Amino acid sequence: QVQLIESGGGLVQAGGSLRLSCTASGRTFSRYAMGWFRQAPGKEREFVAAISWNGGATPYTDSVKGRFTISRDNAENTVTVYLQMNSLKPEDTAVYYCAAQFTAVVHTTTSTWDYWGQGTQVTVSS
């Protein structure tokens, strides 16, 4: 059974930090790219950051560059991916989703990702 379980969301003031975690199991996710997307109310889901299976590529959307850092820990049966979010802004408020993509080259288009988590709410107050 494939599971992607996110945690770490919450309410934080502008300028603060949060660290999201996602634990993936049920597939050999060590060979998958992992990513984070977000969806604000009334908006489409958008790409935030991703990391290739070996950590060699870490694309980010422009609005989070220099503030967010993605990383991963490949264990034997599970993979955990992290999103360290610093200098948070009210416009970062959204539901954040973890996703997995079976590919050697990371694609940021939402429709190309194979598995999704249920999401975790991040709210940044001004």
PDB file of N, CA and C in Angstrom:
ATOM      1  N   GLN A   1       0.846  -1.196   0.000  1.00  0.00           N
ATOM      2  CA  GLN A   1       0.000   0.000   0.000  1.00  0.00           C
ATOM      3  C   GLN A   1       0.875   1.238   0.000  1.00  0.00           C
ATOM      4  N   VAL A   2       0.661   2.079  -0.982  1.00  0.00           N
ATOM      5  CA  VAL A   2       1.433   3.306  -1.082  1.00  0.00           C
ATOM      6  C   VAL A   2       0.897   4.340  -0.091  1.00  0.00           C
ATOM      7  N   GLN A   3       1.809   4.922   0.649  1.00  0.00           N
ATOM      8  CA  GLN A   3       1.429   5.988   1.572  1.00  0.00           C
ATOM      9  C   GLN A   3       2.444   7.112   1.511  1.00  0.00           C
ATOM     10  N   LEU A   4       1.942   8.330   1.404  1.00  0.00           N
ATOM     11  CA  LEU A   4       2.750   9.530   1.558  1.00  0.00           C
ATOM     12  C   LEU A   4       2.070  10.337   2.654  1.00  0.00           C
ATOM     13  N   ILE A   5       2.748  10.487   3.762  1.00  0.00           N
ATOM     14  CA  ILE A   5       2.140  11.126   4.922  1.00  0.00           C
ATOM     15  C   ILE A   5       2.936  12.359   5.299  1.00  0.00           C
ATOM     16  N   GLU A   6       2.260  13.510   5.201  1.00  0.00           N
ATOM     17  CA  GLU A   6       2.900  14.781   5.522  1.00  0.00           C
ATOM     18  C   GLU A   6       2.664  15.156   6.987  1.00  0.00           C
ATOM     19  N   SER A   7       3.579  15.931   7.517  1.00  0.00           N
ATOM     20  CA  SER A   7       3.430  16.482   8.864  1.00  0.00           C
ATOM     21  C   SER A   7       4.240  17.762   8.962  1.00  0.00           C
ATOM     22  N   GLY A   8       3.980  18.522  10.031  1.00  0.00           N
ATOM     23  CA  GLY A   8       4.776  19.710  10.292  1.00  0.00           C
ATOM     24  C   GLY A   8       4.110  21.028   9.964  1.00  0.00           C
ATOM     25  N   GLY A   9       2.927  20.976   9.385  1.00  0.00           N
ATOM     26  CA  GLY A   9       2.236  22.224   9.094  1.00  0.00           C
ATOM     27  C   GLY A   9       1.747  22.903  10.362  1.00  0.00           C
ATOM     28  N   GLY A  10       1.261  24.121  10.204  1.00  0.00           N
ATOM     29  CA  GLY A  10       0.749  24.848  11.351  1.00  0.00           C
ATOM     30  C   GLY A  10       0.604  26.321  11.077  1.00  0.00           C
ATOM     31  N   LEU A  11       0.420  27.060  12.149  1.00  0.00           N
ATOM     32  CA  LEU A  11       0.259  28.517  12.089  1.00  0.00           C
ATOM     33  C   LEU A  11       1.545  29.177  12.568  1.00  0.00           C
ATOM     34  N   VAL A  12       2.044  30.121  11.785  1.00  0.00           N
ATOM     35  CA  VAL A  12       3.287  30.807  12.138  1.00  0.00           C
ATOM     36  C   VAL A  12       3.172  32.265  11.720  1.00  0.00           C
ATOM     37  N   GLN A  13       3.875  33.133  12.420  1.00  0.00           N
ATOM     38  CA  GLN A  13       3.878  34.539  12.045  1.00  0.00           C
ATOM     39  C   GLN A  13       4.819  34.777  10.878  1.00  0.00           C
ATOM     40  N   ALA A  14       4.554  35.832  10.147  1.00  0.00           N
ATOM     41  CA  ALA A  14       5.432  36.209   9.044  1.00  0.00           C
ATOM     42  C   ALA A  14       6.864  36.362   9.554  1.00  0.00           C
ATOM     43  N   GLY A  15       7.799  35.841   8.760  1.00  0.00           N
ATOM     44  CA  GLY A  15       9.192  35.854   9.152  1.00  0.00           C
ATOM     45  C   GLY A  15       9.635  34.608   9.894  1.00  0.00           C
ATOM     46  N   GLY A  16       8.689  33.794  10.294  1.00  0.00           N
ATOM     47  CA  GLY A  16       8.993  32.581  11.029  1.00  0.00           C
ATOM     48  C   GLY A  16       9.369  31.417  10.129  1.00  0.00           C
ATOM     49  N   SER A  17       9.538  30.254  10.748  1.00  0.00           N
ATOM     50  CA  SER A  17       9.979  29.063  10.034  1.00  0.00           C
ATOM     51  C   SER A  17       9.098  27.865  10.382  1.00  0.00           C
ATOM     52  N   LEU A  18       9.023  26.955   9.444  1.00  0.00           N
ATOM     53  CA  LEU A  18       8.392  25.656   9.649  1.00  0.00           C
ATOM     54  C   LEU A  18       9.200  24.621   8.887  1.00  0.00           C
ATOM     55  N   ARG A  19       9.135  23.384   9.362  1.00  0.00           N
ATOM     56  CA  ARG A  19       9.763  22.280   8.653  1.00  0.00           C
ATOM     57  C   ARG A  19       8.707  21.220   8.393  1.00  0.00           C
ATOM     58  N   LEU A  20       8.440  20.985   7.122  1.00  0.00           N
ATOM     59  CA  LEU A  20       7.509  19.939   6.727  1.00  0.00           C
ATOM     60  C   LEU A  20       8.266  18.638   6.506  1.00  0.00           C
ATOM     61  N   SER A  21       7.596  17.536   6.835  1.00  0.00           N
ATOM     62  CA  SER A  21       8.153  16.211   6.593  1.00  0.00           C
ATOM     63  C   SER A  21       7.134  15.381   5.834  1.00  0.00           C
ATOM     64  N   CYS A  22       7.633  14.465   5.032  1.00  0.00           N
ATOM     65  CA  CYS A  22       6.776  13.531   4.314  1.00  0.00           C
ATOM     66  C   CYS A  22       7.458  12.167   4.331  1.00  0.00           C
ATOM     67  N   THR A  23       6.743  11.181   4.827  1.00  0.00           N
ATOM     68  CA  THR A  23       7.261   9.817   4.829  1.00  0.00           C
ATOM     69  C   THR A  23       6.532   9.006   3.778  1.00  0.00           C
ATOM     70  N   ALA A  24       7.295   8.418   2.875  1.00  0.00           N
ATOM     71  CA  ALA A  24       6.732   7.653   1.761  1.00  0.00           C
ATOM     72  C   ALA A  24       7.076   6.172   1.922  1.00  0.00           C
ATOM     73  N   SER A  25       6.089   5.321   1.724  1.00  0.00           N
ATOM     74  CA  SER A  25       6.311   3.881   1.834  1.00  0.00           C
ATOM     75  C   SER A  25       5.400   3.152   0.863  1.00  0.00           C
ATOM     76  N   GLY A  26       5.700   1.872   0.627  1.00  0.00           N
ATOM     77  CA  GLY A  26       4.875   1.061  -0.252  1.00  0.00           C
ATOM     78  C   GLY A  26       5.423   0.899  -1.653  1.00  0.00           C
ATOM     79  N   ARG A  27       6.450   1.624  -1.995  1.00  0.00           N
ATOM     80  CA  ARG A  27       7.171   1.495  -3.258  1.00  0.00           C
ATOM     81  C   ARG A  27       8.659   1.720  -2.954  1.00  0.00           C
ATOM     82  N   THR A  28       9.474   1.469  -3.966  1.00  0.00           N
ATOM     83  CA  THR A  28      10.906   1.750  -3.797  1.00  0.00           C
ATOM     84  C   THR A  28      11.116   3.226  -4.067  1.00  0.00           C
ATOM     85  N   PHE A  29      10.676   4.039  -3.125  1.00  0.00           N
ATOM     86  CA  PHE A  29      10.710   5.479  -3.323  1.00  0.00           C
ATOM     87  C   PHE A  29      12.118   6.048  -3.327  1.00  0.00           C
ATOM     88  N   SER A  30      13.095   5.243  -2.952  1.00  0.00           N
ATOM     89  CA  SER A  30      14.474   5.715  -3.061  1.00  0.00           C
ATOM     90  C   SER A  30      14.867   5.961  -4.514  1.00  0.00           C
ATOM     91  N   ARG A  31      14.099   5.400  -5.444  1.00  0.00           N
ATOM     92  CA  ARG A  31      14.353   5.612  -6.868  1.00  0.00           C
ATOM     93  C   ARG A  31      13.410   6.640  -7.483  1.00  0.00           C
ATOM     94  N   TYR A  32      12.609   7.303  -6.659  1.00  0.00           N
ATOM     95  CA  TYR A  32      11.661   8.308  -7.112  1.00  0.00           C
ATOM     96  C   TYR A  32      12.169   9.705  -6.795  1.00  0.00           C
ATOM     97  N   ALA A  33      11.886  10.634  -7.684  1.00  0.00           N
ATOM     98  CA  ALA A  33      11.992  12.038  -7.303  1.00  0.00           C
ATOM     99  C   ALA A  33      10.865  12.343  -6.323  1.00  0.00           C
ATOM    100  N   MET A  34      11.146  13.229  -5.391  1.00  0.00           N
ATOM    101  CA  MET A  34      10.141  13.642  -4.418  1.00  0.00           C
ATOM    102  C   MET A  34       9.952  15.150  -4.514  1.00  0.00           C
ATOM    103  N   GLY A  35       8.742  15.596  -4.252  1.00  0.00           N
ATOM    104  CA  GLY A  35       8.496  17.020  -4.400  1.00  0.00           C
ATOM    105  C   GLY A  35       7.448  17.553  -3.448  1.00  0.00           C
ATOM    106  N   TRP A  36       7.382  18.867  -3.406  1.00  0.00           N
ATOM    107  CA  TRP A  36       6.363  19.570  -2.638  1.00  0.00           C
ATOM    108  C   TRP A  36       5.605  20.518  -3.569  1.00  0.00           C
ATOM    109  N   PHE A  37       4.305  20.499  -3.427  1.00  0.00           N
ATOM    110  CA  PHE A  37       3.422  21.396  -4.139  1.00  0.00           C
ATOM    111  C   PHE A  37       2.562  22.101  -3.102  1.00  0.00           C
ATOM    112  N   ARG A  38       1.874  23.148  -3.528  1.00  0.00           N
ATOM    113  CA  ARG A  38       0.968  23.831  -2.606  1.00  0.00           C
ATOM    114  C   ARG A  38      -0.245  24.343  -3.363  1.00  0.00           C
ATOM    115  N   GLN A  39      -1.331  24.488  -2.626  1.00  0.00           N
ATOM    116  CA  GLN A  39      -2.558  24.987  -3.212  1.00  0.00           C
ATOM    117  C   GLN A  39      -3.227  25.940  -2.244  1.00  0.00           C
ATOM    118  N   ALA A  40      -3.330  27.178  -2.656  1.00  0.00           N
ATOM    119  CA  ALA A  40      -4.014  28.196  -1.863  1.00  0.00           C
ATOM    120  C   ALA A  40      -5.488  28.212  -2.248  1.00  0.00           C
ATOM    121  N   PRO A  41      -6.352  28.725  -1.374  1.00  0.00           N
ATOM    122  CA  PRO A  41      -7.781  28.766  -1.686  1.00  0.00           C
ATOM    123  C   PRO A  41      -8.058  29.503  -2.991  1.00  0.00           C
ATOM    124  N   GLY A  42      -8.834  28.871  -3.840  1.00  0.00           N
ATOM    125  CA  GLY A  42      -9.203  29.487  -5.103  1.00  0.00           C
ATOM    126  C   GLY A  42      -8.143  29.465  -6.175  1.00  0.00           C
ATOM    127  N   LYS A  43      -7.026  28.807  -5.898  1.00  0.00           N
ATOM    128  CA  LYS A  43      -5.926  28.753  -6.865  1.00  0.00           C
ATOM    129  C   LYS A  43      -5.608  27.311  -7.237  1.00  0.00           C
ATOM    130  N   GLU A  44      -4.915  27.164  -8.344  1.00  0.00           N
ATOM    131  CA  GLU A  44      -4.499  25.833  -8.764  1.00  0.00           C
ATOM    132  C   GLU A  44      -3.293  25.372  -7.943  1.00  0.00           C
ATOM    133  N   ARG A  45      -3.146  24.074  -7.891  1.00  0.00           N
ATOM    134  CA  ARG A  45      -1.970  23.512  -7.219  1.00  0.00           C
ATOM    135  C   ARG A  45      -0.715  23.891  -8.005  1.00  0.00           C
ATOM    136  N   GLU A  46       0.312  24.316  -7.280  1.00  0.00           N
ATOM    137  CA  GLU A  46       1.536  24.759  -7.943  1.00  0.00           C
ATOM    138  C   GLU A  46       2.762  24.067  -7.370  1.00  0.00           C
ATOM    139  N   PHE A  47       3.750  23.947  -8.208  1.00  0.00           N
ATOM    140  CA  PHE A  47       5.025  23.357  -7.824  1.00  0.00           C
ATOM    141  C   PHE A  47       5.771  24.284  -6.872  1.00  0.00           C
ATOM    142  N   VAL A  48       6.398  23.691  -5.854  1.00  0.00           N
ATOM    143  CA  VAL A  48       7.208  24.462  -4.919  1.00  0.00           C
ATOM    144  C   VAL A  48       8.681  24.056  -5.015  1.00  0.00           C
ATOM    145  N   ALA A  49       8.955  22.769  -4.837  1.00  0.00           N
ATOM    146  CA  ALA A  49      10.341  22.294  -4.845  1.00  0.00           C
ATOM    147  C   ALA A  49      10.341  20.797  -5.092  1.00  0.00           C
ATOM    148  N   ALA A  50      11.469  20.303  -5.579  1.00  0.00           N
ATOM    149  CA  ALA A  50      11.616  18.871  -5.804  1.00  0.00           C
ATOM    150  C   ALA A  50      13.070  18.473  -5.601  1.00  0.00           C
ATOM    151  N   ILE A  51      13.260  17.181  -5.427  1.00  0.00           N
ATOM    152  CA  ILE A  51      14.608  16.642  -5.278  1.00  0.00           C
ATOM    153  C   ILE A  51      14.673  15.323  -6.022  1.00  0.00           C
ATOM    154  N   SER A  52      15.683  15.159  -6.834  1.00  0.00           N
ATOM    155  CA  SER A  52      15.836  13.928  -7.600  1.00  0.00           C
ATOM    156  C   SER A  52      16.149  12.763  -6.672  1.00  0.00           C
ATOM    157  N   TRP A  53      16.093  11.558  -7.212  1.00  0.00           N
ATOM    158  CA  TRP A  53      16.225  10.369  -6.376  1.00  0.00           C
ATOM    159  C   TRP A  53      17.552  10.337  -5.628  1.00  0.00           C
ATOM    160  N   ASN A  54      18.592  10.893  -6.240  1.00  0.00           N
ATOM    161  CA  ASN A  54      19.906  10.853  -5.604  1.00  0.00           C
ATOM    162  C   ASN A  54      20.295  12.192  -4.974  1.00  0.00           C
ATOM    163  N   GLY A  55      19.351  13.144  -4.983  1.00  0.00           N
ATOM    164  CA  GLY A  55      19.636  14.442  -4.401  1.00  0.00           C
ATOM    165  C   GLY A  55      20.452  15.367  -5.272  1.00  0.00           C
ATOM    166  N   GLY A  56      20.740  14.942  -6.502  1.00  0.00           N
ATOM    167  CA  GLY A  56      21.604  15.733  -7.365  1.00  0.00           C
ATOM    168  C   GLY A  56      20.939  16.949  -7.986  1.00  0.00           C
ATOM    169  N   ALA A  57      19.637  16.964  -8.059  1.00  0.00           N
ATOM    170  CA  ALA A  57      18.900  18.095  -8.630  1.00  0.00           C
ATOM    171  C   ALA A  57      17.827  18.547  -7.647  1.00  0.00           C
ATOM    172  N   THR A  58      17.757  19.849  -7.432  1.00  0.00           N
ATOM    173  CA  THR A  58      16.771  20.413  -6.504  1.00  0.00           C
ATOM    174  C   THR A  58      16.187  21.693  -7.087  1.00  0.00           C
ATOM    175  N   PRO A  59      15.268  21.559  -8.026  1.00  0.00           N
ATOM    176  CA  PRO A  59      14.626  22.760  -8.567  1.00  0.00           C
ATOM    177  C   PRO A  59      13.648  23.381  -7.576  1.00  0.00           C
ATOM    178  N   TYR A  60      13.516  24.690  -7.628  1.00  0.00           N
ATOM    179  CA  TYR A  60      12.581  25.444  -6.792  1.00  0.00           C
ATOM    180  C   TYR A  60      11.796  26.422  -7.671  1.00  0.00           C
ATOM    181  N   THR A  61      10.606  26.721  -7.242  1.00  0.00           N
ATOM    182  CA  THR A  61       9.907  27.806  -7.896  1.00  0.00           C
ATOM    183  C   THR A  61      10.554  29.123  -7.449  1.00  0.00           C
ATOM    184  N   ASP A  62      10.498  30.132  -8.301  1.00  0.00           N
ATOM    185  CA  ASP A  62      11.247  31.366  -8.047  1.00  0.00           C
ATOM    186  C   ASP A  62      10.875  32.029  -6.722  1.00  0.00           C
ATOM    187  N   SER A  63       9.605  31.964  -6.359  1.00  0.00           N
ATOM    188  CA  SER A  63       9.143  32.707  -5.188  1.00  0.00           C
ATOM    189  C   SER A  63       9.687  32.163  -3.867  1.00  0.00           C
ATOM    190  N   VAL A  64      10.249  30.957  -3.866  1.00  0.00           N
ATOM    191  CA  VAL A  64      10.760  30.387  -2.616  1.00  0.00           C
ATOM    192  C   VAL A  64      12.279  30.229  -2.618  1.00  0.00           C
ATOM    193  N   LYS A  65      12.918  30.538  -3.713  1.00  0.00           N
ATOM    194  CA  LYS A  65      14.379  30.398  -3.771  1.00  0.00           C
ATOM    195  C   LYS A  65      15.048  31.263  -2.706  1.00  0.00           C
ATOM    196  N   GLY A  66      15.994  30.663  -2.009  1.00  0.00           N
ATOM    197  CA  GLY A  66      16.695  31.374  -0.951  1.00  0.00           C
ATOM    198  C   GLY A  66      15.991  31.322   0.389  1.00  0.00           C
ATOM    199  N   ARG A  67      14.743  30.855   0.402  1.00  0.00           N
ATOM    200  CA  ARG A  67      13.984  30.762   1.662  1.00  0.00           C
ATOM    201  C   ARG A  67      13.660  29.316   2.040  1.00  0.00           C
ATOM    202  N   PHE A  68      13.394  28.479   1.054  1.00  0.00           N
ATOM    203  CA  PHE A  68      13.017  27.083   1.290  1.00  0.00           C
ATOM    204  C   PHE A  68      14.162  26.168   0.869  1.00  0.00           C
ATOM    205  N   THR A  69      14.298  25.064   1.597  1.00  0.00           N
ATOM    206  CA  THR A  69      15.304  24.056   1.264  1.00  0.00           C
ATOM    207  C   THR A  69      14.679  22.672   1.346  1.00  0.00           C
ATOM    208  N   ILE A  70      14.830  21.914   0.278  1.00  0.00           N
ATOM    209  CA  ILE A  70      14.314  20.546   0.247  1.00  0.00           C
ATOM    210  C   ILE A  70      15.472  19.573   0.461  1.00  0.00           C
ATOM    211  N   SER A  71      15.191  18.492   1.173  1.00  0.00           N
ATOM    212  CA  SER A  71      16.202  17.458   1.391  1.00  0.00           C
ATOM    213  C   SER A  71      15.491  16.123   1.537  1.00  0.00           C
ATOM    214  N   ARG A  72      16.265  15.043   1.512  1.00  0.00           N
ATOM    215  CA  ARG A  72      15.651  13.728   1.619  1.00  0.00           C
ATOM    216  C   ARG A  72      16.565  12.770   2.362  1.00  0.00           C
ATOM    217  N   ASP A  73      15.935  11.738   2.923  1.00  0.00           N
ATOM    218  CA  ASP A  73      16.655  10.681   3.621  1.00  0.00           C
ATOM    219  C   ASP A  73      16.143   9.369   3.049  1.00  0.00           C
ATOM    220  N   ASN A  74      16.990   8.656   2.310  1.00  0.00           N
ATOM    221  CA  ASN A  74      16.596   7.387   1.685  1.00  0.00           C
ATOM    222  C   ASN A  74      16.944   6.226   2.609  1.00  0.00           C
ATOM    223  N   ALA A  75      15.949   5.686   3.277  1.00  0.00           N
ATOM    224  CA  ALA A  75      16.160   4.494   4.087  1.00  0.00           C
ATOM    225  C   ALA A  75      15.767   3.275   3.262  1.00  0.00           C
ATOM    226  N   GLU A  76      15.944   2.102   3.828  1.00  0.00           N
ATOM    227  CA  GLU A  76      15.730   0.873   3.061  1.00  0.00           C
ATOM    228  C   GLU A  76      14.293   0.726   2.597  1.00  0.00           C
ATOM    229  N   ASN A  77      13.328   0.954   3.468  1.00  0.00           N
ATOM    230  CA  ASN A  77      11.927   0.723   3.125  1.00  0.00           C
ATOM    231  C   ASN A  77      11.079   1.979   3.072  1.00  0.00           C
ATOM    232  N   THR A  78      11.621   3.070   3.518  1.00  0.00           N
ATOM    233  CA  THR A  78      10.882   4.329   3.486  1.00  0.00           C
ATOM    234  C   THR A  78      11.804   5.458   3.062  1.00  0.00           C
ATOM    235  N   VAL A  79      11.189   6.481   2.544  1.00  0.00           N
ATOM    236  CA  VAL A  79      11.904   7.707   2.201  1.00  0.00           C
ATOM    237  C   VAL A  79      11.231   8.847   2.932  1.00  0.00           C
ATOM    238  N   THR A  80      12.021   9.704   3.514  1.00  0.00           N
ATOM    239  CA  THR A  80      11.488  10.899   4.142  1.00  0.00           C
ATOM    240  C   THR A  80      12.040  12.119   3.416  1.00  0.00           C
ATOM    241  N   VAL A  81      11.153  13.009   3.046  1.00  0.00           N
ATOM    242  CA  VAL A  81      11.556  14.243   2.376  1.00  0.00           C
ATOM    243  C   VAL A  81      11.139  15.411   3.262  1.00  0.00           C
ATOM    244  N   TYR A  82      11.997  16.389   3.330  1.00  0.00           N
ATOM    245  CA  TYR A  82      11.784  17.546   4.192  1.00  0.00           C
ATOM    246  C   TYR A  82      11.696  18.827   3.362  1.00  0.00           C
ATOM    247  N   LEU A  83      10.966  19.765   3.880  1.00  0.00           N
ATOM    248  CA  LEU A  83      10.942  21.106   3.298  1.00  0.00           C
ATOM    249  C   LEU A  83      11.131  22.095   4.443  1.00  0.00           C
ATOM    250  N   GLN A  84      12.327  22.654   4.540  1.00  0.00           N
ATOM    251  CA  GLN A  84      12.608  23.677   5.531  1.00  0.00           C
ATOM    252  C   GLN A  84      12.185  25.021   4.955  1.00  0.00           C
ATOM    253  N   MET A  85      11.269  25.673   5.638  1.00  0.00           N
ATOM    254  CA  MET A  85      10.717  26.934   5.139  1.00  0.00           C
ATOM    255  C   MET A  85      11.079  28.046   6.109  1.00  0.00           C
ATOM    256  N   ASN A  86      11.880  28.982   5.643  1.00  0.00           N
ATOM    257  CA  ASN A  86      12.300  30.127   6.452  1.00  0.00           C
ATOM    258  C   ASN A  86      11.740  31.419   5.871  1.00  0.00           C
ATOM    259  N   SER A  87      11.780  32.465   6.661  1.00  0.00           N
ATOM    260  CA  SER A  87      11.310  33.784   6.222  1.00  0.00           C
ATOM    261  C   SER A  87       9.934  33.694   5.570  1.00  0.00           C
ATOM    262  N   LEU A  88       9.041  33.011   6.236  1.00  0.00           N
ATOM    263  CA  LEU A  88       7.719  32.775   5.663  1.00  0.00           C
ATOM    264  C   LEU A  88       6.936  34.070   5.494  1.00  0.00           C
ATOM    265  N   LYS A  89       6.134  34.087   4.454  1.00  0.00           N
ATOM    266  CA  LYS A  89       5.319  35.243   4.104  1.00  0.00           C
ATOM    267  C   LYS A  89       3.842  34.841   4.088  1.00  0.00           C
ATOM    268  N   PRO A  90       2.946  35.782   4.263  1.00  0.00           N
ATOM    269  CA  PRO A  90       1.515  35.443   4.197  1.00  0.00           C
ATOM    270  C   PRO A  90       1.137  34.760   2.881  1.00  0.00           C
ATOM    271  N   GLU A  91       1.796  35.106   1.807  1.00  0.00           N
ATOM    272  CA  GLU A  91       1.484  34.494   0.514  1.00  0.00           C
ATOM    273  C   GLU A  91       1.954  33.041   0.410  1.00  0.00           C
ATOM    274  N   ASP A  92       2.663  32.556   1.404  1.00  0.00           N
ATOM    275  CA  ASP A  92       3.027  31.140   1.452  1.00  0.00           C
ATOM    276  C   ASP A  92       1.900  30.285   2.040  1.00  0.00           C
ATOM    277  N   THR A  93       0.864  30.926   2.533  1.00  0.00           N
ATOM    278  CA  THR A  93      -0.266  30.201   3.105  1.00  0.00           C
ATOM    279  C   THR A  93      -0.934  29.319   2.065  1.00  0.00           C
ATOM    280  N   ALA A  94      -1.043  28.033   2.383  1.00  0.00           N
ATOM    281  CA  ALA A  94      -1.610  27.057   1.443  1.00  0.00           C
ATOM    282  C   ALA A  94      -1.633  25.687   2.113  1.00  0.00           C
ATOM    283  N   VAL A  95      -2.286  24.757   1.445  1.00  0.00           N
ATOM    284  CA  VAL A  95      -2.121  23.351   1.794  1.00  0.00           C
ATOM    285  C   VAL A  95      -0.916  22.848   1.011  1.00  0.00           C
ATOM    286  N   TYR A  96       0.006  22.225   1.709  1.00  0.00           N
ATOM    287  CA  TYR A  96       1.232  21.723   1.090  1.00  0.00           C
ATOM    288  C   TYR A  96       1.125  20.208   0.912  1.00  0.00           C
ATOM    289  N   TYR A  97       1.421  19.766  -0.300  1.00  0.00           N
ATOM    290  CA  TYR A  97       1.314  18.357  -0.652  1.00  0.00           C
ATOM    291  C   TYR A  97       2.677  17.786  -0.994  1.00  0.00           C
ATOM    292  N   CYS A  98       2.907  16.591  -0.526  1.00  0.00           N
ATOM    293  CA  CYS A  98       4.085  15.819  -0.901  1.00  0.00           C
ATOM    294  C   CYS A  98       3.716  14.957  -2.111  1.00  0.00           C
ATOM    295  N   ALA A  99       4.668  14.750  -3.009  1.00  0.00           N
ATOM    296  CA  ALA A  99       4.406  13.939  -4.195  1.00  0.00           C
ATOM    297  C   ALA A  99       5.648  13.156  -4.583  1.00  0.00           C
ATOM    298  N   ALA A 100       5.424  12.094  -5.341  1.00  0.00           N
ATOM    299  CA  ALA A 100       6.521  11.247  -5.813  1.00  0.00           C
ATOM    300  C   ALA A 100       6.387  11.027  -7.310  1.00  0.00           C
ATOM    301  N   GLN A 101       7.537  10.991  -7.972  1.00  0.00           N
ATOM    302  CA  GLN A 101       7.581  10.869  -9.428  1.00  0.00           C
ATOM    303  C   GLN A 101       8.669   9.877  -9.807  1.00  0.00           C
ATOM    304  N   PHE A 102       8.278   8.858 -10.594  1.00  0.00           N
ATOM    305  CA  PHE A 102       9.257   7.848 -11.009  1.00  0.00           C
ATOM    306  C   PHE A 102       9.926   8.331 -12.279  1.00  0.00           C
ATOM    307  N   THR A 103      11.076   8.963 -12.124  1.00  0.00           N
ATOM    308  CA  THR A 103      11.758   9.558 -13.260  1.00  0.00           C
ATOM    309  C   THR A 103      13.210   9.814 -12.917  1.00  0.00           C
ATOM    310  N   ALA A 104      14.048   9.804 -13.941  1.00  0.00           N
ATOM    311  CA  ALA A 104      15.447  10.167 -13.732  1.00  0.00           C
ATOM    312  C   ALA A 104      15.637  11.671 -13.817  1.00  0.00           C
ATOM    313  N   VAL A 105      14.722  12.335 -14.518  1.00  0.00           N
ATOM    314  CA  VAL A 105      14.786  13.792 -14.680  1.00  0.00           C
ATOM    315  C   VAL A 105      13.508  14.384 -14.089  1.00  0.00           C
ATOM    316  N   VAL A 106      13.648  15.291 -13.175  1.00  0.00           N
ATOM    317  CA  VAL A 106      12.494  15.852 -12.479  1.00  0.00           C
ATOM    318  C   VAL A 106      11.676  16.734 -13.418  1.00  0.00           C
ATOM    319  N   HIS A 107      10.383  16.501 -13.439  1.00  0.00           N
ATOM    320  CA  HIS A 107       9.451  17.342 -14.180  1.00  0.00           C
ATOM    321  C   HIS A 107       8.577  18.057 -13.168  1.00  0.00           C
ATOM    322  N   THR A 108       8.393  19.360 -13.333  1.00  0.00           N
ATOM    323  CA  THR A 108       7.659  20.129 -12.330  1.00  0.00           C
ATOM    324  C   THR A 108       6.170  20.246 -12.619  1.00  0.00           C
ATOM    325  N   THR A 109       5.732  19.764 -13.756  1.00  0.00           N
ATOM    326  CA  THR A 109       4.307  19.832 -14.087  1.00  0.00           C
ATOM    327  C   THR A 109       3.515  18.912 -13.178  1.00  0.00           C
ATOM    328  N   THR A 110       2.451  19.458 -12.603  1.00  0.00           N
ATOM    329  CA  THR A 110       1.672  18.723 -11.606  1.00  0.00           C
ATOM    330  C   THR A 110       1.185  17.376 -12.121  1.00  0.00           C
ATOM    331  N   SER A 111       0.736  17.321 -13.357  1.00  0.00           N
ATOM    332  CA  SER A 111       0.120  16.116 -13.897  1.00  0.00           C
ATOM    333  C   SER A 111       1.098  14.964 -14.098  1.00  0.00           C
ATOM    334  N   THR A 112       2.396  15.235 -14.014  1.00  0.00           N
ATOM    335  CA  THR A 112       3.390  14.191 -14.257  1.00  0.00           C
ATOM    336  C   THR A 112       3.798  13.447 -12.997  1.00  0.00           C
ATOM    337  N   TRP A 113       3.220  13.795 -11.856  1.00  0.00           N
ATOM    338  CA  TRP A 113       3.589  13.154 -10.599  1.00  0.00           C
ATOM    339  C   TRP A 113       2.669  11.972 -10.331  1.00  0.00           C
ATOM    340  N   ASP A 114       3.242  10.904  -9.776  1.00  0.00           N
ATOM    341  CA  ASP A 114       2.553   9.620  -9.709  1.00  0.00           C
ATOM    342  C   ASP A 114       1.757   9.415  -8.427  1.00  0.00           C
ATOM    343  N   TYR A 115       2.292   9.864  -7.315  1.00  0.00           N
ATOM    344  CA  TYR A 115       1.645   9.629  -6.025  1.00  0.00           C
ATOM    345  C   TYR A 115       1.604  10.928  -5.227  1.00  0.00           C
ATOM    346  N   TRP A 116       0.548  11.062  -4.429  1.00  0.00           N
ATOM    347  CA  TRP A 116       0.322  12.281  -3.660  1.00  0.00           C
ATOM    348  C   TRP A 116      -0.059  11.951  -2.223  1.00  0.00           C
ATOM    349  N   GLY A 117       0.328  12.848  -1.324  1.00  0.00           N
ATOM    350  CA  GLY A 117      -0.137  12.780   0.044  1.00  0.00           C
ATOM    351  C   GLY A 117      -1.446  13.545   0.201  1.00  0.00           C
ATOM    352  N   GLN A 118      -1.942  13.580   1.420  1.00  0.00           N
ATOM    353  CA  GLN A 118      -3.224  14.224   1.696  1.00  0.00           C
ATOM    354  C   GLN A 118      -3.091  15.719   1.958  1.00  0.00           C
ATOM    355  N   GLY A 119      -1.905  16.162   2.224  1.00  0.00           N
ATOM    356  CA  GLY A 119      -1.681  17.591   2.425  1.00  0.00           C
ATOM    357  C   GLY A 119      -1.617  17.999   3.889  1.00  0.00           C
ATOM    358  N   THR A 120      -0.906  19.081   4.125  1.00  0.00           N
ATOM    359  CA  THR A 120      -0.814  19.666   5.463  1.00  0.00           C
ATOM    360  C   THR A 120      -0.945  21.179   5.339  1.00  0.00           C
ATOM    361  N   GLN A 121      -1.737  21.766   6.222  1.00  0.00           N
ATOM    362  CA  GLN A 121      -2.029  23.196   6.132  1.00  0.00           C
ATOM    363  C   GLN A 121      -0.889  24.015   6.715  1.00  0.00           C
ATOM    364  N   VAL A 122      -0.487  25.032   5.971  1.00  0.00           N
ATOM    365  CA  VAL A 122       0.469  26.028   6.450  1.00  0.00           C
ATOM    366  C   VAL A 122      -0.213  27.385   6.390  1.00  0.00           C
ATOM    367  N   THR A 123      -0.268  28.070   7.511  1.00  0.00           N
ATOM    368  CA  THR A 123      -0.887  29.374   7.575  1.00  0.00           C
ATOM    369  C   THR A 123       0.120  30.369   8.142  1.00  0.00           C
ATOM    370  N   VAL A 124       0.371  31.436   7.398  1.00  0.00           N
ATOM    371  CA  VAL A 124       1.320  32.462   7.821  1.00  0.00           C
ATOM    372  C   VAL A 124       0.539  33.743   8.075  1.00  0.00           C
ATOM    373  N   SER A 125       0.580  34.204   9.296  1.00  0.00           N
ATOM    374  CA  SER A 125      -0.148  35.417   9.656  1.00  0.00           C
ATOM    375  C   SER A 125       0.745  36.649   9.511  1.00  0.00           C
ATOM    376  N   SER A 126       0.120  37.753   9.173  1.00  0.00           N
ATOM    377  CA  SER A 126       0.889  38.996   8.960  1.00  0.00           C
ATOM    378  C   SER A 126       1.007  39.794  10.239  1.00  0.00           C
TER     379      SER A 126
END
